[in-house]
Structure formats: structure tokens, C-alpha cells
């Protein structure tokens, strides 16, 4: 086999492959055997039909086609390896020349990993915001805890913002009830939002037993985005009664004896969370600084595919939350053009980051241990709310393990540049970058202990099963 490569762009190559006819013979023999098992010819047992008879009955062309379909993928992979190319997507293959008893020639255009000249990634400097934690933040968390232990009291007055109401809803279009747009006895807090535009405004001032109709748009179903008439009936108006913020409440709602101890614990937990957020921001800032030091050509097909995937994911999340794209953009203060530009910028940065981290992992010759893969599998399962063993089985069955391995290697590369970086907050204090996981995420030490414990438990169960 001979192959040649033509560079179409820094991220796309064209392979021209020539395969002598002699190298097709094993695939031709296999094709004859396969076809012999599929046809019935009088006078011959199934599977024992001679090639000459198959040529007469089925045609030599069908045999050649089957052989080519097997040979081309094999020779394509060999050509990639011979020319040291790393493909990023499925190739566009075209058979350009083939006649019986003559050489096969085909071309394959494919997106390839760009060559990157790594900048120095030691001592990257970056800056992040100061950690901000106020008394108001602590009070807000304590208030949320009080609301969890609140009781609802029926009141004989019109509803106001913050009240809970028990309502019936029915949407109609041209006088017909919209399928799936009718609910009864639903508890709803006025001012919470996120359900139907205009609902909060309609409910304000309504008393038990009253009905009102308003125009809104559905966020799901066949009539999504279309105007419908919504009838809302209030059957109860309830006021939230919060427990007193005293030591008795602290003992009921937590393991602490006093409100002061509870507030101190809330402050500590908030501070820990803010430190993790700052560490994550520092990690991202370091990577952003590194990306600014190098030009990385990006395959447009990869960018387009990732753009479409992220856009689809956002749309699904919004639909699940009952929010239209228009409402989301309004809340974010963005136009469609601004949203698309921001999304594309983030996608391009993400793709470029993957390339540079892959190159660093290769340069540093990182490897992974089985324990690291097991912990990563457990963590990913926890993040998706799945059983770790079922998640692991799915990953193995669908050949996603190489992707997980690549995630770990990228995480190690990211940890390498972050640990060598100098990051300061806006006040000039050096930010401690601890608890950077192998996948590049930030976590608490106790989280790591929990993951390790779960991995050890699974390994113990497997050992028992084998015994």
C-alpha cells in the first residue's frame, strides 16, 4: 500500500491511498465465503458454492464491492498511522479508481489535530476577585433555613407578593382547552416566577374563591410561543409563618445549641464555598491567560458540532425549567446576536483549551492509574445522579472509556499549569489553589474521601462476588 498526504489547512488533510490488487485478495476470499453462506444454488451445499458460480449467479461486481467496503476502512487507518495523523471526525472517503484485477485508489479528507507550539506554561500569572462574604449573605442563608421550617396559615384577605396560594389553571385556545395545560390544586408562591408570564400579576390582589383570566404564552407543547387564554382560580390564600430565630430554633433545625453557633457554621460553610468558587475562577483565569499566548487553528466542523450540541442542551434545560428562550434572553439582558456570539466564543475557547491541554499531557507524558479511572467514574456517576456500577457498565459497553481517560489527562495537564501559576486576588493576596481534582474540577477533601470510600466499597463487593 502507498499513501500520500496533502495539507488542505492547518486542521484538514487529504489522504490519497493506493492499494495493489494483491492486497485485496484476502477480502475477496472472505466476500466469496460470506456470499456463499447467503445464497442457494441447486447442486451445491450452502457455503460451498464455488467463486465462479457466484460470479455467474450474483455477479463479480457485488463481490468486489463487498471486498472494497472491508478494505477501505482498514487501509484508511493504516494510512493515518503511516502519516502520523490524528483524526478528529469521520472522514469523507471517495473511491477514485478501481477496476477488476487493478489497484484500488481512494481519497479521504478528514479534520486533524492541529500542530501546536506550546508556550511556556510555568509561572502563568492571573488575577481573580476578592472573596466577598457579608453579614447579609449569612442572614439570607439563615432565613432560607427558617423558611424550610415555616408553616402556612390560611388568611381571609387578598393575596400579596410572597403569599402561597392554592390554584387551578386552565389554558384555552380559540375556546378549546389546550391538552396538558390544565392543573388543579397546585400550591404556588406569588413572586416566585418561572411558570407562566403574567401569573404573578394576575394573582396579586385575588382572594379565595375568585377567578381571573389573562393572556400568556405556553413554554411547552405544540402551542409553545403562541398566545393562549389562561383562567386561574384561587381556592386558598396562605401566609407563611416563620419560626422565631432563637436557640430553640437552632436546636430544632441543626446540631447546634445556640443561634450564634448556627450562624458561625453558616458563615464557615459559605466561606468554604466562596473559596472553592474563587479557586475555580483562578483555574479558569490561568487557562485563559495561557490561551492568549498561543494561536490555535480550530476545525470549523468540530466547532459547529459543539455549537449545535451546546445550543441544543441549553434549549432542553430551558424547556425543562419552563422558560422560553425569549424570556431567558430578557432575563440575561442579551439579544439573540449577543447570545450566539457569546456561545461561539465560549465554544471556541473550550475547543482550543482541549487541544492545548492534550498537548501538555503529551509533553509531560502523563499516564493514569486504575484507581484514578475508578474514582473518575464514580464522580461522573454522582454528578449525573446515576448508580456508579450502572454508569461504568454503560461507559464500557459504548466504548466511552477513552473519552474518560482523555478527561483525566486533561485534568492533570490543567493541574500542572495551575499549580505552577501565580494567582492573586484583587487585593494582592496570593490565592491558594488546593483540592484540584484529576479531572480539573475543584473539590473539598471530604468529597475526595467519600469518592475513595465508594470506590473501595465497590472493589470489595467485586472481590466478594469473585470469591
Protein backbone atom coordinates (compact mmCIF):
# COMPACT_ATOMS: atom_id res chain seq x y z
CA UNK A 1 0.00 0.00 0.00
CA UNK A 2 1.17 3.53 -0.80
CA UNK A 3 -0.22 6.71 0.69
CA UNK A 4 0.39 10.42 0.39
CA UNK A 5 -0.96 13.30 2.43
CA UNK A 6 -1.92 16.77 1.25
CA UNK A 7 -2.41 19.52 3.83
CA UNK A 8 -5.58 21.39 2.92
CA UNK A 9 -5.44 23.62 6.01
CA UNK A 10 -3.82 23.52 9.45
CA UNK A 11 -6.77 21.38 10.59
CA UNK A 12 -7.68 19.36 7.49
CA UNK A 13 -5.78 16.85 5.40
CA UNK A 14 -6.40 14.78 2.30
CA UNK A 15 -5.03 11.26 2.09
CA UNK A 16 -4.54 9.55 -1.25
CA UNK A 17 -4.20 5.79 -0.83
CA UNK A 18 -3.26 3.20 -3.46
CA UNK A 19 -3.82 -0.48 -2.66
CA UNK A 20 -2.36 -3.15 -5.01
CA UNK A 21 -4.92 -5.69 -6.14
CA UNK A 22 -2.96 -8.46 -4.43
CA UNK A 23 -3.73 -6.89 -1.04
CA UNK A 24 -7.46 -7.16 -1.79
CA UNK A 25 -7.37 -10.93 -2.25
CA UNK A 26 -7.94 -11.88 1.43
CA UNK A 27 -11.01 -9.63 1.49
CA UNK A 28 -12.20 -11.06 -1.84
CA UNK A 29 -11.90 -14.59 -0.46
CA UNK A 30 -13.83 -13.54 2.61
CA UNK A 31 -16.51 -11.90 0.47
CA UNK A 32 -16.93 -15.11 -1.57
CA UNK A 33 -17.32 -17.15 1.61
CA UNK A 34 -19.85 -14.71 3.05
CA UNK A 35 -21.95 -14.66 -0.11
CA UNK A 36 -21.74 -18.45 -0.39
CA UNK A 37 -23.43 -18.67 3.01
CA UNK A 38 -26.23 -16.34 1.86
CA UNK A 39 -27.35 -17.89 -1.43
CA UNK A 40 -28.94 -21.18 -2.50
CA UNK A 41 -27.67 -22.71 -5.71
CA UNK A 42 -29.04 -26.09 -6.87
CA UNK A 43 -26.38 -28.76 -6.75
CA UNK A 44 -24.27 -27.03 -4.10
CA UNK A 45 -24.46 -27.10 -0.34
CA UNK A 46 -24.90 -23.74 1.41
CA UNK A 47 -21.47 -22.23 1.95
CA UNK A 48 -19.83 -24.47 -0.68
CA UNK A 49 -20.71 -22.50 -3.79
CA UNK A 50 -17.55 -22.00 -5.92
CA UNK A 51 -16.43 -18.42 -6.76
CA UNK A 52 -17.05 -18.96 -10.47
CA UNK A 53 -20.67 -19.91 -9.79
CA UNK A 54 -21.11 -16.89 -7.51
CA UNK A 55 -19.76 -14.66 -10.30
CA UNK A 56 -22.43 -16.06 -12.63
CA UNK A 57 -25.28 -16.03 -10.13
CA UNK A 58 -24.57 -12.82 -8.20
CA UNK A 59 -22.02 -11.00 -10.27
CA UNK A 60 -18.35 -10.27 -9.78
CA UNK A 61 -19.20 -6.62 -9.05
CA UNK A 62 -21.09 -7.47 -5.86
CA UNK A 63 -18.10 -9.42 -4.58
CA UNK A 64 -15.72 -6.58 -5.40
CA UNK A 65 -17.98 -4.06 -3.68
CA UNK A 66 -18.10 -6.13 -0.50
CA UNK A 67 -14.34 -6.55 -0.52
CA UNK A 68 -13.79 -2.82 -1.01
CA UNK A 69 -16.15 -1.99 1.85
CA UNK A 70 -13.93 -4.06 4.13
CA UNK A 71 -10.56 -2.97 2.75
CA UNK A 72 -11.05 0.80 2.61
CA UNK A 73 -11.57 1.38 6.39
CA UNK A 74 -8.57 -0.85 7.19
CA UNK A 75 -6.27 0.88 4.72
CA UNK A 76 -7.52 4.29 5.82
CA UNK A 77 -6.41 3.55 9.41
CA UNK A 78 -3.06 2.26 8.15
CA UNK A 79 -2.56 5.44 6.14
CA UNK A 80 -3.33 7.59 9.19
CA UNK A 81 -0.73 5.73 11.21
CA UNK A 82 1.84 5.83 8.42
CA UNK A 83 1.48 9.60 8.08
CA UNK A 84 1.17 10.20 11.85
CA UNK A 85 -2.21 11.94 11.58
CA UNK A 86 -4.73 12.16 14.44
CA UNK A 87 -8.28 12.37 13.07
CA UNK A 88 -10.92 14.41 14.89
CA UNK A 89 -14.01 13.28 13.00
CA UNK A 90 -15.27 10.78 10.44
CA UNK A 91 -13.55 11.11 7.06
CA UNK A 92 -15.09 11.90 3.68
CA UNK A 93 -13.97 8.92 1.59
CA UNK A 94 -14.20 8.65 -2.19
CA UNK A 95 -13.07 5.71 -4.33
CA UNK A 96 -11.39 7.44 -7.24
CA UNK A 97 -10.10 4.47 -9.23
CA UNK A 98 -10.85 0.78 -9.29
CA UNK A 99 -11.04 -1.89 -11.96
CA UNK A 100 -11.05 -5.64 -11.56
CA UNK A 101 -7.51 -7.00 -11.21
CA UNK A 102 -6.10 -3.47 -10.93
CA UNK A 103 -5.04 -1.31 -7.99
CA UNK A 104 -7.63 0.38 -5.81
CA UNK A 105 -7.25 4.11 -5.24
CA UNK A 106 -9.26 6.23 -2.83
CA UNK A 107 -9.04 9.59 -1.10
CA UNK A 108 -10.03 10.55 2.43
CA UNK A 109 -10.50 14.12 3.63
CA UNK A 110 -10.56 14.45 7.39
CA UNK A 111 -10.23 17.02 10.16
CA UNK A 112 -6.97 16.52 12.01
CA UNK A 113 -5.46 17.70 15.27
CA UNK A 114 -3.53 20.92 14.62
CA UNK A 115 0.16 21.19 15.39
CA UNK A 116 0.69 23.44 18.39
CA UNK A 117 3.86 25.15 19.53
CA UNK A 118 3.42 25.25 23.27
CA UNK A 119 4.25 28.49 25.05
CA UNK A 120 5.91 28.37 28.46
CA UNK A 121 3.32 27.27 30.99
CA UNK A 122 5.39 27.74 34.13
CA UNK A 123 4.58 30.69 36.34
CA UNK A 124 1.49 31.89 34.47
CA UNK A 125 0.14 34.99 36.25
CA UNK A 126 -3.57 35.69 36.70
CA UNK A 127 -5.91 37.66 38.92
CA UNK A 128 -9.33 36.92 40.42
CA UNK A 129 -11.83 38.87 42.50
CA UNK A 130 -11.62 39.04 46.29
CA UNK A 131 -13.81 36.69 48.30
CA UNK A 132 -16.90 38.63 49.32
CA UNK A 133 -18.88 37.38 52.31
CA UNK A 134 -21.16 39.76 54.19
CA UNK A 135 -23.47 39.57 57.19
CA UNK A 136 -26.33 39.88 54.70
CA UNK A 137 -25.17 36.68 52.96
CA UNK A 138 -25.23 34.81 56.26
CA UNK A 139 -28.63 36.26 57.16
CA UNK A 140 -30.03 35.20 53.78
CA UNK A 141 -28.94 31.58 54.34
CA UNK A 142 -30.37 31.52 57.87
CA UNK A 143 -33.62 33.00 56.52
CA UNK A 144 -33.79 30.23 53.92
CA UNK A 145 -33.37 27.69 56.73
CA UNK A 146 -36.23 29.32 58.65
CA UNK A 147 -38.42 29.08 55.55
CA UNK A 148 -37.80 25.33 55.41
CA UNK A 149 -39.37 25.04 58.86
CA UNK A 150 -42.14 27.56 58.21
CA UNK A 151 -45.85 26.77 58.45
CA UNK A 152 -48.64 28.00 56.16
CA UNK A 153 -51.65 29.72 57.74
CA UNK A 154 -54.91 30.35 55.85
CA UNK A 155 -55.78 34.06 55.70
CA UNK A 156 -59.02 35.82 54.80
CA UNK A 157 -57.60 38.63 52.65
CA UNK A 158 -56.42 39.28 49.10
CA UNK A 159 -53.10 37.67 48.20
CA UNK A 160 -49.90 39.72 48.18
CA UNK A 161 -46.38 39.08 46.96
CA UNK A 162 -44.79 36.27 48.99
CA UNK A 163 -48.09 34.57 49.87
CA UNK A 164 -48.80 30.97 48.94
CA UNK A 165 -51.98 30.27 47.00
CA UNK A 166 -53.70 27.04 46.02
CA UNK A 167 -54.86 27.45 42.43
CA UNK A 168 -56.48 25.79 39.44
CA UNK A 169 -55.15 26.70 35.99
CA UNK A 170 -56.69 26.08 32.58
CA UNK A 171 -55.34 27.35 29.24
CA UNK A 172 -57.60 27.63 26.19
CA UNK A 173 -57.00 28.47 22.55
CA UNK A 174 -59.95 29.63 20.45
CA UNK A 175 -62.28 28.38 23.18
CA UNK A 176 -60.75 24.87 23.26
CA UNK A 177 -58.86 23.59 26.32
CA UNK A 178 -55.18 23.04 25.47
CA UNK A 179 -54.16 19.44 26.05
CA UNK A 180 -51.80 19.13 29.01
CA UNK A 181 -52.33 22.76 30.06
CA UNK A 182 -54.77 22.18 32.93
CA UNK A 183 -53.84 21.67 36.61
CA UNK A 184 -55.83 21.59 39.85
CA UNK A 185 -54.95 22.14 43.50
CA UNK A 186 -51.45 23.39 42.83
CA UNK A 187 -49.61 25.33 45.55
CA UNK A 188 -47.74 28.34 44.20
CA UNK A 189 -45.84 31.19 45.83
CA UNK A 190 -46.60 34.60 44.34
CA UNK A 191 -43.44 36.26 43.06
CA UNK A 192 -41.56 33.04 42.55
CA UNK A 193 -41.86 33.28 38.77
CA UNK A 194 -40.65 30.70 36.28
CA UNK A 195 -44.10 29.35 35.41
CA UNK A 196 -46.31 31.50 33.18
CA UNK A 197 -45.76 35.11 32.21
CA UNK A 198 -48.46 37.23 33.82
CA UNK A 199 -49.38 34.71 36.51
CA UNK A 200 -47.86 36.66 39.40
CA UNK A 201 -49.54 39.88 38.26
CA UNK A 202 -52.91 38.13 37.94
CA UNK A 203 -52.71 36.54 41.40
CA UNK A 204 -51.76 39.71 43.26
CA UNK A 205 -54.93 41.03 44.92
CA UNK A 206 -57.02 37.88 44.36
CA UNK A 207 -58.87 36.33 47.28
CA UNK A 208 -60.05 32.76 47.86
CA UNK A 209 -62.95 31.88 45.54
CA UNK A 210 -62.04 34.44 42.86
CA UNK A 211 -61.27 33.72 39.22
CA UNK A 212 -59.35 35.76 36.67
CA UNK A 213 -58.34 35.33 33.03
CA UNK A 214 -55.18 36.66 31.44
CA UNK A 215 -53.24 36.20 28.20
CA UNK A 216 -49.93 34.37 28.26
CA UNK A 217 -47.73 32.06 26.20
CA UNK A 218 -47.06 28.39 26.87
CA UNK A 219 -43.46 27.27 27.27
CA UNK A 220 -44.01 23.70 26.07
CA UNK A 221 -46.23 21.53 23.88
CA UNK A 222 -47.49 22.07 20.35
CA UNK A 223 -48.56 25.67 21.02
CA UNK A 224 -45.26 26.84 22.54
CA UNK A 225 -44.81 30.56 21.97
CA UNK A 226 -48.43 31.15 20.97
CA UNK A 227 -50.90 33.35 22.86
CA UNK A 228 -53.44 31.46 24.96
CA UNK A 229 -56.13 32.49 27.44
CA UNK A 230 -55.36 31.29 30.97
CA UNK A 231 -58.09 31.07 33.61
CA UNK A 232 -56.80 30.98 37.21
CA UNK A 233 -59.00 30.23 40.23
CA UNK A 234 -57.78 30.74 43.80
CA UNK A 235 -59.13 28.34 46.43
CA UNK A 236 -56.82 29.26 49.33
CA UNK A 237 -54.59 32.16 50.32
CA UNK A 238 -51.89 31.22 52.81
CA UNK A 239 -49.38 33.28 54.71
CA UNK A 240 -46.00 31.89 55.62
CA UNK A 241 -45.28 31.94 59.34
CA UNK A 242 -41.59 31.67 60.16
CA UNK A 243 -40.28 30.19 63.42
CA UNK A 244 -38.61 32.60 65.83
CA UNK A 245 -34.86 32.91 65.34
CA UNK A 246 -33.80 31.75 68.78
CA UNK A 247 -31.81 28.99 70.42
CA UNK A 248 -34.82 26.66 70.33
CA UNK A 249 -34.94 27.03 66.56
CA UNK A 250 -31.19 26.38 66.28
CA UNK A 251 -31.62 23.14 68.24
CA UNK A 252 -34.59 22.07 66.09
CA UNK A 253 -33.02 22.92 62.71
CA UNK A 254 -29.39 21.92 63.34
CA UNK A 255 -26.97 20.15 65.66
CA UNK A 256 -26.12 23.42 67.39
CA UNK A 257 -27.39 24.67 70.74
CA UNK A 258 -27.43 28.40 70.03
CA UNK A 259 -28.24 30.76 67.17
CA UNK A 260 -24.73 32.17 67.38
CA UNK A 261 -23.22 28.72 66.78
CA UNK A 262 -25.61 28.14 63.89
CA UNK A 263 -24.68 31.47 62.31
CA UNK A 264 -20.97 30.76 62.74
CA UNK A 265 -21.41 27.41 60.98
CA UNK A 266 -23.35 29.04 58.14
CA UNK A 267 -20.58 31.63 57.76
CA UNK A 268 -17.92 28.91 57.68
CA UNK A 269 -19.80 26.86 55.08
CA UNK A 270 -20.40 29.94 52.93
CA UNK A 271 -16.75 30.90 53.21
CA UNK A 272 -15.69 27.43 52.19
CA UNK A 273 -17.97 27.59 49.18
CA UNK A 274 -16.68 31.04 48.20
CA UNK A 275 -13.10 29.79 48.44
CA UNK A 276 -13.94 26.93 46.11
CA UNK A 277 -15.59 29.37 43.71
CA UNK A 278 -12.50 31.57 43.81
CA UNK A 279 -10.24 28.57 43.18
CA UNK A 280 -12.38 27.58 40.19
CA UNK A 281 -12.20 31.15 38.89
CA UNK A 282 -8.42 31.08 39.35
CA UNK A 283 -8.16 27.83 37.42
CA UNK A 284 -10.17 29.31 34.54
CA UNK A 285 -8.18 32.55 34.62
CA UNK A 286 -4.87 30.68 34.38
CA UNK A 287 -6.10 28.67 31.40
CA UNK A 288 -7.42 31.84 29.75
CA UNK A 289 -4.03 33.52 30.17
CA UNK A 290 -2.31 30.53 28.61
CA UNK A 291 -4.70 30.50 25.66
CA UNK A 292 -3.84 34.14 24.96
CA UNK A 293 -0.21 33.15 24.46
CA UNK A 294 -0.77 30.82 21.52
CA UNK A 295 -2.68 30.78 18.25
CA UNK A 296 -4.59 27.53 17.82
CA UNK A 297 -6.30 26.84 14.48
CA UNK A 298 -9.70 25.25 15.05
CA UNK A 299 -11.52 22.79 12.76
CA UNK A 300 -14.76 24.52 11.83
CA UNK A 301 -16.72 21.27 11.67
CA UNK A 302 -15.72 20.49 15.28
CA UNK A 303 -16.70 24.00 16.38
CA UNK A 304 -20.03 23.76 14.54
CA UNK A 305 -20.87 20.37 16.04
CA UNK A 306 -20.05 21.59 19.54
CA UNK A 307 -22.06 24.77 18.99
CA UNK A 308 -25.09 22.77 17.94
CA UNK A 309 -24.70 20.39 20.87
CA UNK A 310 -24.45 23.19 23.43
CA UNK A 311 -27.31 25.15 21.89
CA UNK A 312 -29.50 22.05 22.00
CA UNK A 313 -28.51 21.39 25.62
CA UNK A 314 -29.40 24.94 26.65
CA UNK A 315 -32.76 24.71 24.88
CA UNK A 316 -33.53 21.42 26.64
CA UNK A 317 -32.61 22.85 30.04
CA UNK A 318 -34.79 25.91 29.45
CA UNK A 319 -37.71 23.74 28.31
CA UNK A 320 -37.32 21.56 31.41
CA UNK A 321 -37.34 24.68 33.59
CA UNK A 322 -40.40 26.00 31.76
CA UNK A 323 -38.60 29.07 30.38
CA UNK A 324 -38.72 30.23 26.78
CA UNK A 325 -35.56 31.37 25.01
CA UNK A 326 -37.03 34.86 24.68
CA UNK A 327 -37.64 35.00 28.44
CA UNK A 328 -34.13 33.73 29.14
CA UNK A 329 -32.56 36.36 26.89
CA UNK A 330 -34.70 39.05 28.51
CA UNK A 331 -33.57 37.98 31.99
CA UNK A 332 -29.94 37.89 30.86
CA UNK A 333 -30.23 41.25 29.12
CA UNK A 334 -28.96 39.80 25.84
CA UNK A 335 -30.07 39.94 22.25
CA UNK A 336 -30.09 36.80 20.13
CA UNK A 337 -26.99 38.04 18.34
CA UNK A 338 -25.17 38.66 21.62
CA UNK A 339 -26.17 35.23 22.94
CA UNK A 340 -24.91 33.50 19.79
CA UNK A 341 -21.65 35.47 19.79
CA UNK A 342 -21.02 34.68 23.45
CA UNK A 343 -21.83 31.00 22.93
CA UNK A 344 -19.48 30.74 19.96
CA UNK A 345 -16.69 32.49 21.89
CA UNK A 346 -17.06 30.03 24.78
CA UNK A 347 -17.15 27.04 22.44
CA UNK A 348 -14.02 28.17 20.59
CA UNK A 349 -12.21 28.71 23.88
CA UNK A 350 -13.28 25.26 25.09
CA UNK A 351 -12.09 23.51 21.92
CA UNK A 352 -8.80 25.41 21.97
CA UNK A 353 -8.35 24.53 25.65
CA UNK A 354 -8.79 20.84 24.89
CA UNK A 355 -6.09 20.97 22.20
CA UNK A 356 -3.56 22.77 24.39
CA UNK A 357 -4.22 20.53 27.41
CA UNK A 358 -3.87 17.43 25.24
CA UNK A 359 -0.52 18.75 24.02
CA UNK A 360 0.66 19.45 27.57
CA UNK A 361 -0.41 15.96 28.69
CA UNK A 362 1.57 14.50 25.78
CA UNK A 363 4.62 16.64 26.54
CA UNK A 364 4.56 15.74 30.24
CA UNK A 365 3.98 12.06 29.35
CA UNK A 366 1.15 11.74 31.84
CA UNK A 367 -0.44 8.37 32.45
CA UNK A 368 -3.32 7.22 34.63
CA UNK A 369 -3.77 4.50 37.23
CA UNK A 370 -6.79 2.21 37.51
CA UNK A 371 -7.68 3.86 40.83
CA UNK A 372 -7.86 7.27 39.11
CA UNK A 373 -10.19 5.92 36.44
CA UNK A 374 -12.39 4.26 39.07
CA UNK A 375 -12.64 7.47 41.09
CA UNK A 376 -13.42 9.47 37.95
CA UNK A 377 -16.16 7.01 37.01
CA UNK A 378 -17.72 7.30 40.48
CA UNK A 379 -17.52 11.09 40.44
CA UNK A 380 -19.11 11.33 36.99
CA UNK A 381 -21.86 8.95 38.13
CA UNK A 382 -22.53 11.11 41.19
CA UNK A 383 -22.69 14.24 39.05
CA UNK A 384 -25.28 12.66 36.77
CA UNK A 385 -27.25 11.08 39.63
CA UNK A 386 -26.65 7.52 38.40
CA UNK A 387 -25.60 4.32 40.10
CA UNK A 388 -21.79 4.08 39.75
CA UNK A 389 -21.82 0.46 38.59
CA UNK A 390 -24.55 1.06 36.01
CA UNK A 391 -22.72 4.17 34.80
CA UNK A 392 -19.45 2.25 34.50
CA UNK A 393 -21.16 -0.58 32.59
CA UNK A 394 -22.66 1.93 30.16
CA UNK A 395 -19.28 3.60 29.60
CA UNK A 396 -17.60 0.27 28.86
CA UNK A 397 -20.39 -1.07 26.65
CA UNK A 398 -20.47 2.07 24.50
CA UNK A 399 -16.68 2.46 24.33
CA UNK A 400 -16.63 5.80 26.19
CA UNK A 401 -13.67 4.85 28.40
CA UNK A 402 -11.10 6.52 26.07
CA UNK A 403 -13.07 9.77 26.45
CA UNK A 404 -12.94 9.48 30.24
CA UNK A 405 -9.21 8.75 30.09
CA UNK A 406 -8.73 11.88 27.98
CA UNK A 407 -10.71 13.91 30.54
CA UNK A 408 -8.38 12.73 33.30
CA UNK A 409 -5.26 13.51 31.27
CA UNK A 410 -6.57 16.99 30.51
CA UNK A 411 -7.29 17.45 34.19
CA UNK A 412 -3.72 16.51 35.02
CA UNK A 413 -2.42 18.96 32.43
CA UNK A 414 -4.63 21.68 33.87
CA UNK A 415 -3.44 20.88 37.39
CA UNK A 416 0.15 21.09 36.15
CA UNK A 417 -0.21 24.65 34.85
CA UNK A 418 -2.41 25.81 37.73
CA UNK A 419 -0.10 24.52 40.44
CA UNK A 420 2.82 26.33 38.79
CA UNK A 421 0.85 29.56 38.35
CA UNK A 422 0.86 32.70 40.45
CA UNK A 423 -2.69 33.84 41.11
CA UNK A 424 -3.58 36.83 43.26
CA UNK A 425 -6.88 38.36 44.27
CA UNK A 426 -7.76 41.99 43.64
CA UNK A 427 -6.20 42.95 46.99
CA UNK A 428 -2.87 41.39 46.04
CA UNK A 429 -3.16 38.27 48.19
CA UNK A 430 -1.88 35.00 46.75
CA UNK A 431 -4.73 32.54 46.16
CA UNK A 432 -4.12 29.06 47.49
CA UNK A 433 -5.03 26.57 44.78
CA UNK A 434 -5.76 23.36 46.61
CA UNK A 435 -8.06 20.39 46.07
CA UNK A 436 -7.73 20.40 42.28
CA UNK A 437 -9.06 17.01 41.22
CA UNK A 438 -7.60 14.84 38.43
CA UNK A 439 -10.48 15.87 36.17
CA UNK A 440 -9.68 19.56 36.66
CA UNK A 441 -12.63 20.29 38.95
CA UNK A 442 -12.33 21.78 42.43
CA UNK A 443 -13.49 19.85 45.48
CA UNK A 444 -13.27 19.58 49.24
CA UNK A 445 -11.01 16.95 50.87
CA UNK A 446 -14.04 15.29 52.45
CA UNK A 447 -15.56 14.89 48.99
CA UNK A 448 -12.45 13.05 47.86
CA UNK A 449 -12.64 10.77 50.89
CA UNK A 450 -16.26 9.94 50.06
CA UNK A 451 -15.36 9.03 46.47
CA UNK A 452 -12.43 6.87 47.59
CA UNK A 453 -14.67 5.11 50.12
CA UNK A 454 -17.25 4.35 47.45
CA UNK A 455 -14.58 3.00 45.09
CA UNK A 456 -13.18 0.79 47.85
CA UNK A 457 -16.68 -0.48 48.66
CA UNK A 458 -17.30 -1.37 45.02
CA UNK A 459 -13.95 -3.14 44.73
CA UNK A 460 -14.72 -5.06 47.92
CA UNK A 461 -18.10 -6.13 46.51
CA UNK A 462 -16.42 -7.30 43.30
CA UNK A 463 -13.85 -9.32 45.29
CA UNK A 464 -16.66 -10.97 47.28
CA UNK A 465 -18.54 -11.79 44.08
CA UNK A 466 -15.44 -13.34 42.54
CA UNK A 467 -14.85 -15.37 45.71
